[in-house]
Amino acid sequence: MPWTDLRRGDCCGRLEVISDGYYCKTCDFFVHKKCGEFSEYIEHPSHSSHTLQLESYPVFDCKLCGRNRD
């Protein structure tokens, strides 16, 4: 697996395969889905400035290589 398919969670620090999770576009802050609560919006103690919204990307374009990923 290429390193570009990995994302470090700000929640736990683990480097995992890119997956669904909670993400703040303004702050580039990411919480793995399994680290957060299972609701559309969460408040996380390490990102207390505002709530995070669950986003799902079943298909996305890689910004690094330009390929479509699913």
C-alpha atoms as a PDB file:
ATOM      1  CA  MET A   1       0.000   0.000   0.000  1.00  0.00           C
ATOM      2  CA  PRO A   2       1.454   3.398  -0.949  1.00  0.00           C
ATOM      3  CA  TRP A   3       2.073   5.814   1.919  1.00  0.00           C
ATOM      4  CA  THR A   4      -0.258   8.291   0.160  1.00  0.00           C
ATOM      5  CA  ASP A   5      -3.211   6.056   1.105  1.00  0.00           C
ATOM      6  CA  LEU A   6      -2.569   6.675   4.815  1.00  0.00           C
ATOM      7  CA  ARG A   7      -3.799   9.431   7.131  1.00  0.00           C
ATOM      8  CA  ARG A   8      -2.690  10.129  10.711  1.00  0.00           C
ATOM      9  CA  GLY A   9      -5.641  10.806  12.982  1.00  0.00           C
ATOM     10  CA  ASP A  10      -5.380  13.872  15.196  1.00  0.00           C
ATOM     11  CA  CYS A  11      -7.573  11.899  17.617  1.00  0.00           C
ATOM     12  CA  CYS A  12      -5.216   9.016  18.383  1.00  0.00           C
ATOM     13  CA  GLY A  13      -2.069   9.622  16.330  1.00  0.00           C
ATOM     14  CA  ARG A  14      -2.403   6.280  14.502  1.00  0.00           C
ATOM     15  CA  LEU A  15      -1.506   6.156  10.818  1.00  0.00           C
ATOM     16  CA  GLU A  16      -4.336   4.288   9.076  1.00  0.00           C
ATOM     17  CA  VAL A  17      -5.751   3.748   5.596  1.00  0.00           C
ATOM     18  CA  ILE A  18      -7.795   6.760   4.452  1.00  0.00           C
ATOM     19  CA  SER A  19     -11.396   6.139   5.422  1.00  0.00           C
ATOM     20  CA  ASP A  20     -14.541   7.878   6.585  1.00  0.00           C
ATOM     21  CA  GLY A  21     -14.107  10.181   9.537  1.00  0.00           C
ATOM     22  CA  TYR A  22     -14.712  13.599  11.043  1.00  0.00           C
ATOM     23  CA  TYR A  23     -12.811  16.393   9.333  1.00  0.00           C
ATOM     24  CA  CYS A  24     -12.523  20.159   9.747  1.00  0.00           C
ATOM     25  CA  LYS A  25     -11.513  21.682   6.399  1.00  0.00           C
ATOM     26  CA  THR A  26     -10.610  25.003   8.036  1.00  0.00           C
ATOM     27  CA  CYS A  27      -8.156  23.475  10.516  1.00  0.00           C
ATOM     28  CA  ASP A  28      -7.172  20.288   8.616  1.00  0.00           C
ATOM     29  CA  PHE A  29      -8.172  18.327  11.744  1.00  0.00           C
ATOM     30  CA  PHE A  30      -9.157  14.659  11.285  1.00  0.00           C
ATOM     31  CA  VAL A  31     -10.749  12.116  13.651  1.00  0.00           C
ATOM     32  CA  HIS A  32     -11.101   8.482  12.539  1.00  0.00           C
ATOM     33  CA  LYS A  33     -14.735   7.372  12.435  1.00  0.00           C
ATOM     34  CA  LYS A  34     -14.087   4.600  14.949  1.00  0.00           C
ATOM     35  CA  CYS A  35     -12.425   7.075  17.331  1.00  0.00           C
ATOM     36  CA  GLY A  36     -15.415   9.416  17.331  1.00  0.00           C
ATOM     37  CA  GLU A  37     -19.028   8.996  18.263  1.00  0.00           C
ATOM     38  CA  PHE A  38     -21.380   7.501  15.696  1.00  0.00           C
ATOM     39  CA  SER A  39     -23.407  10.608  14.988  1.00  0.00           C
ATOM     40  CA  GLU A  40     -23.370  13.139  12.175  1.00  0.00           C
ATOM     41  CA  TYR A  41     -21.867  15.855  14.412  1.00  0.00           C
ATOM     42  CA  ILE A  42     -19.469  15.460  17.338  1.00  0.00           C
ATOM     43  CA  GLU A  43     -17.654  17.685  19.800  1.00  0.00           C
ATOM     44  CA  HIS A  44     -14.118  16.448  20.399  1.00  0.00           C
ATOM     45  CA  PRO A  45     -11.986  17.627  23.359  1.00  0.00           C
ATOM     46  CA  SER A  46      -8.869  18.043  21.229  1.00  0.00           C
ATOM     47  CA  HIS A  47     -10.744  20.297  18.771  1.00  0.00           C
ATOM     48  CA  SER A  48     -13.006  22.359  21.000  1.00  0.00           C
ATOM     49  CA  SER A  49     -13.326  25.463  18.801  1.00  0.00           C
ATOM     50  CA  HIS A  50     -16.337  24.021  16.939  1.00  0.00           C
ATOM     51  CA  THR A  51     -18.149  20.779  16.126  1.00  0.00           C
ATOM     52  CA  LEU A  52     -16.961  18.294  13.513  1.00  0.00           C
ATOM     53  CA  GLN A  53     -19.249  16.797  10.862  1.00  0.00           C
ATOM     54  CA  LEU A  54     -18.989  13.210   9.632  1.00  0.00           C
ATOM     55  CA  GLU A  55     -18.040  13.059   5.947  1.00  0.00           C
ATOM     56  CA  SER A  56     -18.019   9.960   3.754  1.00  0.00           C
ATOM     57  CA  TYR A  57     -16.030   9.616   0.555  1.00  0.00           C
ATOM     58  CA  PRO A  58     -16.796   6.281  -1.129  1.00  0.00           C
ATOM     59  CA  VAL A  59     -15.046   7.555  -4.289  1.00  0.00           C
ATOM     60  CA  PHE A  60     -12.547  10.420  -4.381  1.00  0.00           C
ATOM     61  CA  ASP A  61      -9.790  11.872  -6.541  1.00  0.00           C
ATOM     62  CA  CYS A  62      -6.300  11.657  -5.069  1.00  0.00           C
ATOM     63  CA  LYS A  63      -4.827  15.170  -4.896  1.00  0.00           C
ATOM     64  CA  LEU A  64      -1.284  13.768  -5.132  1.00  0.00           C
ATOM     65  CA  CYS A  65      -1.462  11.334  -8.058  1.00  0.00           C
ATOM     66  CA  GLY A  66      -4.710  12.576  -9.664  1.00  0.00           C
ATOM     67  CA  ARG A  67      -6.200   9.066  -9.860  1.00  0.00           C
ATOM     68  CA  ASN A  68      -9.779   8.218  -8.938  1.00  0.00           C
ATOM     69  CA  ARG A  69      -9.877   6.057  -5.779  1.00  0.00           C
ATOM     70  CA  ASP A  70     -12.691   3.825  -4.582  1.00  0.00           C
END
